Amino acid sequence: MIRKLCCHIVLWLEEGWCWSKSIREIYRKYHNISIGYGTYGGAFDLRKIPSGTVFGRYCSIAADVWVFNGNHPKEYFSLHPLFYNPALGHAKRDMITRNMLYIGNDVWIGANAIILPGVTKIGDGAIIGAGSVVTKNIAPYQIVAGNPAKVINMRFKEEQQNRLIKLQWWDLEKDSLTLQQEFLEKNLININE
């Protein structure tokens, strides 16, 4: 109860989940989850986001997004965690190989998406449709959906993607970013002319 109250006070003082540096430091230090500035939503769900996950800046993560970083070891005589998970008191060490997942900047992951253990990278600007099951890495600016998730479109043409990556607008803090919005929009639009 006190922990929850302290969290609410910190979030109020630091303008909420999107901007709180203290909450990000707690997740990094105590949970080994790195959450970039401006990222919000399901990225903060400790039941569904495992240790070792890295979120870039300005990501939109919907509710009920699940990230899995390991599978039951199929080569054992049993699939039960008693034999490979030390949390159950028998195994001396974790016997599962766990992947780290790096999620780029400005990524949008829709509600109820599932990211499976073979996935190690989701590129900048990617979109994962709601309810998708992601089984492999996603390149920058790809839009994927389905089960298994397949590329259904690209957000931008290659020249626009390259320009956005070169601009690295996500490195700006919110006040600077809002001041640069018109420039960024023109910089992207002018490529089509």
N, C-alpha and C. Protein backbone atom coordinates (compact mmCIF):
# COMPACT_ATOMS: atom_id res chain seq x y z
N MET A 1 0.82 -1.19 0.00
CA MET A 1 0.00 0.00 0.00
C MET A 1 0.87 1.27 0.00
N ILE A 2 1.90 1.29 0.84
CA ILE A 2 2.78 2.45 0.90
C ILE A 2 3.57 2.59 -0.40
N ARG A 3 4.00 1.45 -0.94
CA ARG A 3 4.74 1.47 -2.21
C ARG A 3 3.88 2.06 -3.32
N LYS A 4 2.62 1.66 -3.36
CA LYS A 4 1.69 2.16 -4.38
C LYS A 4 1.48 3.67 -4.22
N LEU A 5 1.31 4.12 -2.99
CA LEU A 5 1.12 5.54 -2.71
C LEU A 5 2.35 6.35 -3.14
N CYS A 6 3.54 5.85 -2.79
CA CYS A 6 4.78 6.53 -3.19
C CYS A 6 4.88 6.62 -4.71
N CYS A 7 4.52 5.54 -5.39
CA CYS A 7 4.54 5.52 -6.85
C CYS A 7 3.61 6.60 -7.41
N HIS A 8 2.41 6.68 -6.87
CA HIS A 8 1.45 7.69 -7.34
C HIS A 8 1.95 9.11 -7.10
N ILE A 9 2.60 9.33 -5.98
CA ILE A 9 3.15 10.66 -5.68
C ILE A 9 4.25 11.01 -6.67
N VAL A 10 5.17 10.06 -6.90
CA VAL A 10 6.26 10.29 -7.86
C VAL A 10 5.69 10.57 -9.24
N LEU A 11 4.71 9.79 -9.66
CA LEU A 11 4.12 10.00 -10.98
C LEU A 11 3.44 11.36 -11.08
N TRP A 12 2.79 11.78 -10.03
CA TRP A 12 2.15 13.10 -10.03
C TRP A 12 3.20 14.20 -10.11
N LEU A 13 4.28 14.07 -9.34
CA LEU A 13 5.33 15.09 -9.33
C LEU A 13 6.09 15.16 -10.66
N GLU A 14 6.22 14.02 -11.30
CA GLU A 14 7.03 13.94 -12.53
C GLU A 14 6.16 13.82 -13.79
N GLU A 15 4.93 14.27 -13.73
CA GLU A 15 4.03 14.39 -14.89
C GLU A 15 3.62 13.06 -15.52
N GLY A 16 3.58 11.99 -14.75
CA GLY A 16 3.03 10.74 -15.23
C GLY A 16 4.03 9.75 -15.80
N TRP A 17 3.47 8.62 -16.25
CA TRP A 17 4.28 7.51 -16.75
C TRP A 17 5.18 7.89 -17.92
N CYS A 18 4.70 8.73 -18.81
CA CYS A 18 5.48 9.09 -20.00
C CYS A 18 6.81 9.75 -19.66
N TRP A 19 6.83 10.55 -18.60
CA TRP A 19 7.98 11.42 -18.37
C TRP A 19 8.77 11.13 -17.09
N SER A 20 8.28 10.27 -16.23
CA SER A 20 8.91 10.05 -14.93
C SER A 20 10.28 9.38 -15.06
N LYS A 21 11.31 10.11 -14.68
CA LYS A 21 12.67 9.55 -14.69
C LYS A 21 12.86 8.60 -13.51
N SER A 22 12.24 8.91 -12.38
CA SER A 22 12.39 8.08 -11.18
C SER A 22 11.80 6.68 -11.40
N ILE A 23 10.62 6.62 -11.98
CA ILE A 23 9.98 5.32 -12.23
C ILE A 23 10.83 4.51 -13.20
N ARG A 24 11.38 5.16 -14.21
CA ARG A 24 12.25 4.46 -15.17
C ARG A 24 13.49 3.91 -14.48
N GLU A 25 14.04 4.67 -13.57
CA GLU A 25 15.23 4.22 -12.83
C GLU A 25 14.88 3.01 -11.95
N ILE A 26 13.72 3.02 -11.33
CA ILE A 26 13.29 1.87 -10.51
C ILE A 26 13.16 0.63 -11.38
N TYR A 27 12.53 0.75 -12.55
CA TYR A 27 12.37 -0.40 -13.45
C TYR A 27 13.72 -0.91 -13.94
N ARG A 28 14.63 0.00 -14.24
CA ARG A 28 15.95 -0.40 -14.71
C ARG A 28 16.74 -1.09 -13.60
N LYS A 29 16.76 -0.47 -12.44
CA LYS A 29 17.60 -0.95 -11.33
C LYS A 29 17.06 -2.23 -10.69
N TYR A 30 15.76 -2.30 -10.44
CA TYR A 30 15.20 -3.42 -9.69
C TYR A 30 14.57 -4.52 -10.55
N HIS A 31 14.25 -4.20 -11.80
CA HIS A 31 13.58 -5.19 -12.65
C HIS A 31 14.34 -5.47 -13.95
N ASN A 32 15.44 -4.78 -14.19
CA ASN A 32 16.23 -4.94 -15.42
C ASN A 32 15.38 -4.75 -16.67
N ILE A 33 14.48 -3.77 -16.61
CA ILE A 33 13.67 -3.38 -17.76
C ILE A 33 13.98 -1.92 -18.03
N SER A 34 14.45 -1.64 -19.23
CA SER A 34 14.79 -0.27 -19.61
C SER A 34 13.64 0.31 -20.43
N ILE A 35 13.10 1.42 -19.97
CA ILE A 35 11.95 2.04 -20.63
C ILE A 35 12.33 3.46 -21.01
N GLY A 36 12.42 3.73 -22.30
CA GLY A 36 12.85 5.03 -22.80
C GLY A 36 11.86 6.15 -22.49
N TYR A 37 12.39 7.33 -22.48
CA TYR A 37 11.63 8.56 -22.24
C TYR A 37 10.43 8.65 -23.18
N GLY A 38 9.28 8.98 -22.63
CA GLY A 38 8.08 9.15 -23.43
C GLY A 38 7.31 7.87 -23.69
N THR A 39 7.91 6.72 -23.43
CA THR A 39 7.23 5.45 -23.62
C THR A 39 6.22 5.27 -22.49
N TYR A 40 5.06 4.71 -22.83
CA TYR A 40 4.00 4.58 -21.83
C TYR A 40 3.20 3.31 -22.04
N GLY A 41 2.29 3.05 -21.12
CA GLY A 41 1.34 1.96 -21.25
C GLY A 41 1.85 0.64 -20.71
N GLY A 42 1.60 -0.42 -21.46
CA GLY A 42 1.92 -1.78 -21.05
C GLY A 42 3.39 -2.05 -20.81
N ALA A 43 4.28 -1.14 -21.17
CA ALA A 43 5.71 -1.31 -20.91
C ALA A 43 5.97 -1.42 -19.41
N PHE A 44 5.06 -0.90 -18.60
CA PHE A 44 5.23 -0.88 -17.15
C PHE A 44 4.54 -2.05 -16.44
N ASP A 45 4.09 -3.05 -17.18
CA ASP A 45 3.38 -4.18 -16.59
C ASP A 45 4.38 -5.30 -16.27
N LEU A 46 4.77 -5.39 -15.02
CA LEU A 46 5.80 -6.36 -14.62
C LEU A 46 5.35 -7.81 -14.76
N ARG A 47 4.07 -8.07 -14.82
CA ARG A 47 3.59 -9.44 -15.00
C ARG A 47 3.78 -9.90 -16.43
N LYS A 48 3.88 -8.96 -17.38
CA LYS A 48 3.88 -9.33 -18.80
C LYS A 48 5.16 -8.96 -19.54
N ILE A 49 5.99 -8.14 -18.92
CA ILE A 49 7.24 -7.72 -19.55
C ILE A 49 8.39 -8.28 -18.73
N PRO A 50 9.21 -9.18 -19.30
CA PRO A 50 10.27 -9.82 -18.52
C PRO A 50 11.53 -8.97 -18.40
N SER A 51 12.32 -9.34 -17.42
CA SER A 51 13.65 -8.76 -17.22
C SER A 51 14.44 -8.87 -18.52
N GLY A 52 15.24 -7.85 -18.80
CA GLY A 52 16.06 -7.86 -20.01
C GLY A 52 15.40 -7.20 -21.21
N THR A 53 14.18 -6.71 -21.06
CA THR A 53 13.50 -6.04 -22.17
C THR A 53 13.91 -4.58 -22.19
N VAL A 54 14.17 -4.06 -23.39
CA VAL A 54 14.57 -2.66 -23.57
C VAL A 54 13.58 -2.00 -24.52
N PHE A 55 12.96 -0.92 -24.04
CA PHE A 55 12.06 -0.12 -24.87
C PHE A 55 12.76 1.17 -25.23
N GLY A 56 12.69 1.56 -26.51
CA GLY A 56 13.22 2.85 -26.93
C GLY A 56 12.33 3.98 -26.44
N ARG A 57 12.55 5.14 -26.97
CA ARG A 57 11.84 6.34 -26.57
C ARG A 57 10.54 6.50 -27.38
N TYR A 58 9.56 7.12 -26.76
CA TYR A 58 8.28 7.48 -27.39
C TYR A 58 7.53 6.27 -27.96
N CYS A 59 7.58 5.14 -27.29
CA CYS A 59 6.81 3.97 -27.72
C CYS A 59 5.41 4.00 -27.11
N SER A 60 4.45 3.48 -27.86
CA SER A 60 3.07 3.35 -27.41
C SER A 60 2.78 1.87 -27.26
N ILE A 61 2.70 1.42 -26.02
CA ILE A 61 2.52 0.00 -25.74
C ILE A 61 1.14 -0.19 -25.11
N ALA A 62 0.26 -0.87 -25.81
CA ALA A 62 -1.12 -1.06 -25.34
C ALA A 62 -1.17 -2.01 -24.15
N ALA A 63 -2.34 -2.09 -23.56
CA ALA A 63 -2.56 -3.02 -22.44
C ALA A 63 -2.49 -4.46 -22.93
N ASP A 64 -2.11 -5.31 -22.04
CA ASP A 64 -2.09 -6.76 -22.28
C ASP A 64 -1.17 -7.20 -23.41
N VAL A 65 -0.06 -6.49 -23.58
CA VAL A 65 1.00 -6.95 -24.48
C VAL A 65 1.87 -7.90 -23.67
N TRP A 66 2.11 -9.08 -24.21
CA TRP A 66 2.92 -10.09 -23.54
C TRP A 66 4.24 -10.26 -24.28
N VAL A 67 5.33 -10.26 -23.53
CA VAL A 67 6.66 -10.54 -24.08
C VAL A 67 7.17 -11.80 -23.39
N PHE A 68 7.52 -12.80 -24.17
CA PHE A 68 8.07 -14.03 -23.63
C PHE A 68 9.53 -14.11 -24.07
N ASN A 69 10.42 -14.40 -23.10
CA ASN A 69 11.84 -14.42 -23.45
C ASN A 69 12.47 -15.81 -23.31
N GLY A 70 11.67 -16.83 -23.08
CA GLY A 70 12.21 -18.18 -22.99
C GLY A 70 11.10 -19.21 -23.10
N ASN A 71 11.47 -20.40 -23.52
CA ASN A 71 10.53 -21.51 -23.64
C ASN A 71 10.85 -22.60 -22.63
N HIS A 72 9.89 -23.46 -22.36
CA HIS A 72 10.16 -24.64 -21.55
C HIS A 72 11.23 -25.46 -22.29
N PRO A 73 12.21 -26.02 -21.58
CA PRO A 73 13.26 -26.79 -22.27
C PRO A 73 12.72 -28.15 -22.73
N LYS A 74 12.48 -28.27 -24.00
CA LYS A 74 11.84 -29.47 -24.54
C LYS A 74 12.73 -30.70 -24.49
N GLU A 75 14.04 -30.52 -24.28
CA GLU A 75 14.95 -31.66 -24.24
C GLU A 75 14.95 -32.37 -22.88
N TYR A 76 14.31 -31.80 -21.86
CA TYR A 76 14.23 -32.45 -20.55
C TYR A 76 13.15 -33.52 -20.57
N PHE A 77 13.21 -34.43 -19.59
CA PHE A 77 12.19 -35.47 -19.50
C PHE A 77 10.83 -34.90 -19.12
N SER A 78 10.82 -33.71 -18.50
CA SER A 78 9.56 -33.07 -18.11
C SER A 78 9.59 -31.60 -18.50
N LEU A 79 8.42 -31.08 -18.83
CA LEU A 79 8.30 -29.67 -19.15
C LEU A 79 7.95 -28.83 -17.92
N HIS A 80 7.80 -29.46 -16.78
CA HIS A 80 7.40 -28.75 -15.57
C HIS A 80 8.57 -27.91 -15.03
N PRO A 81 8.28 -26.67 -14.58
CA PRO A 81 9.34 -25.78 -14.11
C PRO A 81 10.04 -26.24 -12.83
N LEU A 82 9.52 -27.25 -12.14
CA LEU A 82 10.21 -27.77 -10.96
C LEU A 82 11.65 -28.14 -11.29
N PHE A 83 11.88 -28.61 -12.52
CA PHE A 83 13.19 -29.12 -12.89
C PHE A 83 14.12 -28.09 -13.52
N TYR A 84 13.61 -26.91 -13.84
CA TYR A 84 14.49 -25.91 -14.46
C TYR A 84 14.35 -24.50 -13.89
N ASN A 85 13.41 -24.27 -13.00
CA ASN A 85 13.20 -22.93 -12.44
C ASN A 85 13.54 -22.94 -10.96
N PRO A 86 14.62 -22.26 -10.56
CA PRO A 86 15.02 -22.27 -9.14
C PRO A 86 13.98 -21.66 -8.20
N ALA A 87 13.05 -20.88 -8.71
CA ALA A 87 12.02 -20.27 -7.87
C ALA A 87 11.13 -21.33 -7.21
N LEU A 88 11.09 -22.54 -7.77
CA LEU A 88 10.28 -23.62 -7.20
C LEU A 88 11.05 -24.47 -6.20
N GLY A 89 12.31 -24.11 -5.92
CA GLY A 89 13.05 -24.73 -4.83
C GLY A 89 13.87 -25.97 -5.14
N HIS A 90 13.80 -26.51 -6.32
CA HIS A 90 14.56 -27.73 -6.62
C HIS A 90 15.77 -27.46 -7.52
N ALA A 91 15.55 -26.79 -8.63
CA ALA A 91 16.64 -26.52 -9.58
C ALA A 91 17.66 -25.56 -8.95
N LYS A 92 18.92 -25.83 -9.18
CA LYS A 92 19.99 -24.99 -8.62
C LYS A 92 20.16 -23.68 -9.39
N ARG A 93 19.82 -23.72 -10.69
CA ARG A 93 19.93 -22.51 -11.52
C ARG A 93 18.85 -22.56 -12.59
N ASP A 94 18.59 -21.40 -13.18
CA ASP A 94 17.61 -21.32 -14.27
C ASP A 94 18.19 -22.05 -15.47
N MET A 95 17.48 -23.03 -15.97
CA MET A 95 17.97 -23.84 -17.09
C MET A 95 17.46 -23.36 -18.44
N ILE A 96 16.76 -22.23 -18.45
CA ILE A 96 16.21 -21.71 -19.70
C ILE A 96 17.14 -20.64 -20.25
N THR A 97 17.41 -20.72 -21.55
CA THR A 97 18.13 -19.66 -22.22
C THR A 97 17.12 -18.54 -22.49
N ARG A 98 17.41 -17.37 -21.98
CA ARG A 98 16.48 -16.26 -22.12
C ARG A 98 17.06 -15.21 -23.07
N ASN A 99 16.23 -14.79 -24.01
CA ASN A 99 16.63 -13.75 -24.97
C ASN A 99 16.33 -12.37 -24.41
N MET A 100 17.13 -11.41 -24.80
CA MET A 100 16.81 -10.01 -24.53
C MET A 100 16.05 -9.49 -25.74
N LEU A 101 15.09 -8.63 -25.50
CA LEU A 101 14.32 -8.02 -26.58
C LEU A 101 14.60 -6.54 -26.60
N TYR A 102 15.03 -6.03 -27.75
CA TYR A 102 15.22 -4.60 -27.93
C TYR A 102 14.09 -4.08 -28.82
N ILE A 103 13.33 -3.14 -28.28
CA ILE A 103 12.25 -2.49 -29.01
C ILE A 103 12.70 -1.08 -29.32
N GLY A 104 12.74 -0.72 -30.60
CA GLY A 104 13.25 0.58 -31.03
C GLY A 104 12.41 1.75 -30.55
N ASN A 105 12.68 2.90 -31.10
CA ASN A 105 11.98 4.13 -30.77
C ASN A 105 10.71 4.27 -31.60
N ASP A 106 9.70 4.95 -31.05
CA ASP A 106 8.46 5.26 -31.75
C ASP A 106 7.75 4.00 -32.25
N VAL A 107 7.78 2.95 -31.46
CA VAL A 107 7.12 1.70 -31.83
C VAL A 107 5.73 1.69 -31.21
N TRP A 108 4.75 1.20 -31.96
CA TRP A 108 3.38 1.05 -31.46
C TRP A 108 3.05 -0.43 -31.46
N ILE A 109 2.73 -0.96 -30.27
CA ILE A 109 2.33 -2.36 -30.15
C ILE A 109 0.89 -2.38 -29.66
N GLY A 110 0.00 -2.97 -30.47
CA GLY A 110 -1.42 -3.00 -30.19
C GLY A 110 -1.79 -3.97 -29.07
N ALA A 111 -2.99 -3.78 -28.54
CA ALA A 111 -3.49 -4.58 -27.42
C ALA A 111 -3.45 -6.07 -27.72
N ASN A 112 -3.09 -6.83 -26.71
CA ASN A 112 -3.10 -8.30 -26.75
C ASN A 112 -2.09 -8.89 -27.72
N ALA A 113 -1.11 -8.12 -28.15
CA ALA A 113 -0.04 -8.68 -28.98
C ALA A 113 0.83 -9.58 -28.12
N ILE A 114 1.38 -10.61 -28.74
CA ILE A 114 2.27 -11.55 -28.06
C ILE A 114 3.58 -11.58 -28.84
N ILE A 115 4.68 -11.40 -28.11
CA ILE A 115 6.01 -11.44 -28.73
C ILE A 115 6.72 -12.66 -28.17
N LEU A 116 7.04 -13.60 -29.05
CA LEU A 116 7.60 -14.88 -28.64
C LEU A 116 9.12 -14.82 -28.46
N PRO A 117 9.71 -15.84 -27.79
CA PRO A 117 11.11 -15.81 -27.42
C PRO A 117 12.12 -15.67 -28.55
N GLY A 118 11.82 -16.09 -29.75
CA GLY A 118 12.78 -15.98 -30.85
C GLY A 118 13.00 -14.55 -31.32
N VAL A 119 12.17 -13.63 -30.88
CA VAL A 119 12.26 -12.24 -31.32
C VAL A 119 13.26 -11.50 -30.43
N THR A 120 14.23 -10.85 -31.07
CA THR A 120 15.22 -10.09 -30.31
C THR A 120 15.21 -8.61 -30.65
N LYS A 121 14.56 -8.23 -31.77
CA LYS A 121 14.57 -6.82 -32.15
C LYS A 121 13.30 -6.43 -32.90
N ILE A 122 12.77 -5.29 -32.49
CA ILE A 122 11.67 -4.64 -33.21
C ILE A 122 12.20 -3.26 -33.57
N GLY A 123 12.27 -2.96 -34.86
CA GLY A 123 12.91 -1.75 -35.35
C GLY A 123 12.14 -0.47 -35.06
N ASP A 124 12.85 0.64 -35.15
CA ASP A 124 12.26 1.96 -34.96
C ASP A 124 11.02 2.13 -35.84
N GLY A 125 9.99 2.76 -35.27
CA GLY A 125 8.81 3.12 -36.02
C GLY A 125 7.90 1.99 -36.45
N ALA A 126 8.17 0.76 -35.98
CA ALA A 126 7.34 -0.39 -36.37
C ALA A 126 5.97 -0.32 -35.70
N ILE A 127 5.00 -0.97 -36.33
CA ILE A 127 3.66 -1.11 -35.77
C ILE A 127 3.33 -2.59 -35.73
N ILE A 128 2.87 -3.06 -34.56
CA ILE A 128 2.42 -4.44 -34.40
C ILE A 128 0.92 -4.37 -34.12
N GLY A 129 0.14 -4.95 -35.00
CA GLY A 129 -1.32 -4.91 -34.87
C GLY A 129 -1.82 -5.63 -33.64
N ALA A 130 -2.96 -5.18 -33.14
CA ALA A 130 -3.59 -5.78 -31.97
C ALA A 130 -3.81 -7.28 -32.19
N GLY A 131 -3.52 -8.07 -31.18
CA GLY A 131 -3.74 -9.51 -31.24
C GLY A 131 -2.73 -10.29 -32.05
N SER A 132 -1.71 -9.62 -32.55
CA SER A 132 -0.70 -10.31 -33.38
C SER A 132 0.19 -11.20 -32.53
N VAL A 133 0.72 -12.25 -33.16
CA VAL A 133 1.70 -13.12 -32.52
C VAL A 133 2.99 -12.97 -33.32
N VAL A 134 3.96 -12.31 -32.72
CA VAL A 134 5.22 -11.99 -33.40
C VAL A 134 6.20 -13.13 -33.16
N THR A 135 6.68 -13.72 -34.26
CA THR A 135 7.58 -14.88 -34.17
C THR A 135 8.98 -14.59 -34.67
N LYS A 136 9.17 -13.42 -35.32
CA LYS A 136 10.51 -13.09 -35.81
C LYS A 136 10.73 -11.58 -35.74
N ASN A 137 11.97 -11.17 -35.89
CA ASN A 137 12.34 -9.77 -35.79
C ASN A 137 11.57 -8.92 -36.80
N ILE A 138 11.36 -7.66 -36.44
CA ILE A 138 10.62 -6.73 -37.29
C ILE A 138 11.55 -5.58 -37.65
N ALA A 139 11.63 -5.27 -38.94
CA ALA A 139 12.49 -4.20 -39.42
C ALA A 139 11.88 -2.83 -39.12
N PRO A 140 12.69 -1.78 -39.16
CA PRO A 140 12.15 -0.43 -38.94
C PRO A 140 11.01 -0.12 -39.90
N TYR A 141 9.98 0.50 -39.36
CA TYR A 141 8.83 1.03 -40.08
C TYR A 141 7.94 -0.02 -40.75
N GLN A 142 8.15 -1.29 -40.42
CA GLN A 142 7.23 -2.32 -40.91
C GLN A 142 5.94 -2.28 -40.11
N ILE A 143 4.83 -2.58 -40.77
CA ILE A 143 3.55 -2.77 -40.11
C ILE A 143 3.24 -4.25 -40.24
N VAL A 144 3.08 -4.92 -39.08
CA VAL A 144 2.82 -6.35 -39.09
C VAL A 144 1.52 -6.63 -38.34
N ALA A 145 0.86 -7.71 -38.74
CA ALA A 145 -0.37 -8.13 -38.07
C ALA A 145 -0.61 -9.60 -38.35
N GLY A 146 -1.40 -10.23 -37.50
CA GLY A 146 -1.82 -11.61 -37.72
C GLY A 146 -1.14 -12.60 -36.80
N ASN A 147 -1.48 -13.88 -37.04
CA ASN A 147 -0.92 -14.98 -36.27
C ASN A 147 -0.55 -16.10 -37.24
N PRO A 148 0.74 -16.25 -37.54
CA PRO A 148 1.85 -15.42 -37.08
C PRO A 148 1.85 -14.06 -37.79
N ALA A 149 2.45 -13.07 -37.13
CA ALA A 149 2.48 -11.72 -37.69
C ALA A 149 3.24 -11.72 -39.01
N LYS A 150 2.65 -11.06 -39.99
CA LYS A 150 3.27 -10.91 -41.31
C LYS A 150 3.27 -9.43 -41.68
N VAL A 151 4.23 -9.05 -42.52
CA VAL A 151 4.30 -7.66 -42.97
C VAL A 151 3.09 -7.37 -43.85
N ILE A 152 2.32 -6.35 -43.50
CA ILE A 152 1.17 -5.98 -44.32
C ILE A 152 1.39 -4.65 -45.03
N ASN A 153 2.39 -3.89 -44.58
CA ASN A 153 2.68 -2.61 -45.23
C ASN A 153 3.92 -2.01 -44.60
N MET A 154 4.36 -0.91 -45.19
CA MET A 154 5.44 -0.10 -44.61
C MET A 154 4.85 1.26 -44.27
N ARG A 155 5.31 1.85 -43.18
CA ARG A 155 4.78 3.17 -42.80
C ARG A 155 5.21 4.25 -43.78
N PHE A 156 6.45 4.17 -44.26
CA PHE A 156 6.99 5.21 -45.13
C PHE A 156 7.83 4.59 -46.23
N LYS A 157 8.05 5.38 -47.26
CA LYS A 157 8.97 4.98 -48.31
C LYS A 157 10.38 4.97 -47.74
N GLU A 158 11.28 4.28 -48.46
CA GLU A 158 12.64 4.10 -47.98
C GLU A 158 13.35 5.43 -47.71
N GLU A 159 13.17 6.42 -48.61
CA GLU A 159 13.84 7.72 -48.40
C GLU A 159 13.34 8.39 -47.13
N GLN A 160 12.04 8.27 -46.87
CA GLN A 160 11.47 8.86 -45.65
C GLN A 160 12.00 8.15 -44.41
N GLN A 161 12.08 6.84 -44.48
CA GLN A 161 12.63 6.07 -43.35
C GLN A 161 14.05 6.52 -43.05
N ASN A 162 14.85 6.61 -44.10
CA ASN A 162 16.25 7.02 -43.91
C ASN A 162 16.35 8.41 -43.31
N ARG A 163 15.50 9.31 -43.76
CA ARG A 163 15.51 10.66 -43.23
C ARG A 163 15.11 10.68 -41.75
N LEU A 164 14.07 9.95 -41.41
CA LEU A 164 13.64 9.89 -40.01
C LEU A 164 14.73 9.29 -39.12
N ILE A 165 15.36 8.23 -39.58
CA ILE A 165 16.43 7.61 -38.80
C ILE A 165 17.60 8.58 -38.64
N LYS A 166 17.92 9.29 -39.70
CA LYS A 166 19.01 10.27 -39.64
C LYS A 166 18.66 11.43 -38.68
N LEU A 167 17.42 11.88 -38.69
CA LEU A 167 16.99 12.98 -37.81
C LEU A 167 17.03 12.59 -36.34
N GLN A 168 16.76 11.33 -36.05
CA GLN A 168 16.69 10.83 -34.67
C GLN A 168 15.94 11.78 -33.76
N TRP A 169 14.75 12.17 -34.20
CA TRP A 169 13.92 13.11 -33.45
C TRP A 169 13.62 12.62 -32.04
N TRP A 170 13.62 11.31 -31.84
CA TRP A 170 13.28 10.73 -30.54
C TRP A 170 14.31 11.05 -29.46
N ASP A 171 15.46 11.59 -29.84
CA ASP A 171 16.44 11.99 -28.84
C ASP A 171 16.06 13.30 -28.15
N LEU A 172 15.07 14.00 -28.69
CA LEU A 172 14.63 15.27 -28.10
C LEU A 172 13.71 15.03 -26.91
N GLU A 173 13.80 15.91 -25.92
CA GLU A 173 12.86 15.91 -24.81
C GLU A 173 11.56 16.53 -25.31
N LYS A 174 10.47 16.33 -24.59
CA LYS A 174 9.15 16.72 -25.09
C LYS A 174 9.04 18.19 -25.43
N ASP A 175 9.61 19.10 -24.62
CA ASP A 175 9.49 20.53 -24.91
C ASP A 175 10.21 20.90 -26.21
N SER A 176 11.41 20.36 -26.41
CA SER A 176 12.14 20.61 -27.66
C SER A 176 11.43 19.96 -28.84
N LEU A 177 10.90 18.78 -28.61
CA LEU A 177 10.22 18.05 -29.69
C LEU A 177 8.99 18.82 -30.17
N THR A 178 8.20 19.34 -29.26
CA THR A 178 7.00 20.07 -29.68
C THR A 178 7.37 21.34 -30.43
N LEU A 179 8.51 21.95 -30.07
CA LEU A 179 8.97 23.14 -30.80
C LEU A 179 9.45 22.78 -32.21
N GLN A 180 9.94 21.56 -32.38
CA GLN A 180 10.48 21.09 -33.66
C GLN A 180 9.43 20.41 -34.54
N GLN A 181 8.22 20.26 -34.06
CA GLN A 181 7.20 19.48 -34.77
C GLN A 181 6.99 19.94 -36.21
N GLU A 182 6.85 21.23 -36.42
CA GLU A 182 6.61 21.74 -37.78
C GLU A 182 7.78 21.42 -38.70
N PHE A 183 9.01 21.61 -38.20
CA PHE A 183 10.20 21.29 -38.98
C PHE A 183 10.23 19.80 -39.35
N LEU A 184 9.93 18.96 -38.36
CA LEU A 184 9.96 17.52 -38.60
C LEU A 184 8.92 17.10 -39.63
N GLU A 185 7.72 17.65 -39.51
CA GLU A 185 6.66 17.32 -40.47
C GLU A 185 7.05 17.75 -41.88
N LYS A 186 7.58 18.97 -42.02
CA LYS A 186 8.00 19.46 -43.34
C LYS A 186 9.15 18.63 -43.89
N ASN A 187 10.07 18.26 -43.04
CA ASN A 187 11.23 17.48 -43.46
C ASN A 187 10.79 16.13 -44.02
N LEU A 188 9.75 15.55 -43.44
CA LEU A 188 9.23 14.27 -43.92
C LEU A 188 8.39 14.44 -45.17
N ILE A 189 7.54 15.46 -45.18
CA ILE A 189 6.63 15.69 -46.31
C ILE A 189 7.39 16.10 -47.55
N ASN A 190 8.39 16.95 -47.42
CA ASN A 190 9.13 17.47 -48.58
C ASN A 190 9.78 16.37 -49.39
N ILE A 191 10.01 15.24 -48.82
CA ILE A 191 10.62 14.13 -49.55
C ILE A 191 9.70 13.60 -50.64
N ASN A 192 8.39 13.78 -50.47
CA ASN A 192 7.43 13.30 -51.46
C ASN A 192 7.28 14.26 -52.65
N GLU A 193 7.70 15.48 -52.49
CA GLU A 193 7.48 16.49 -53.54
C GLU A 193 8.50 16.41 -54.65
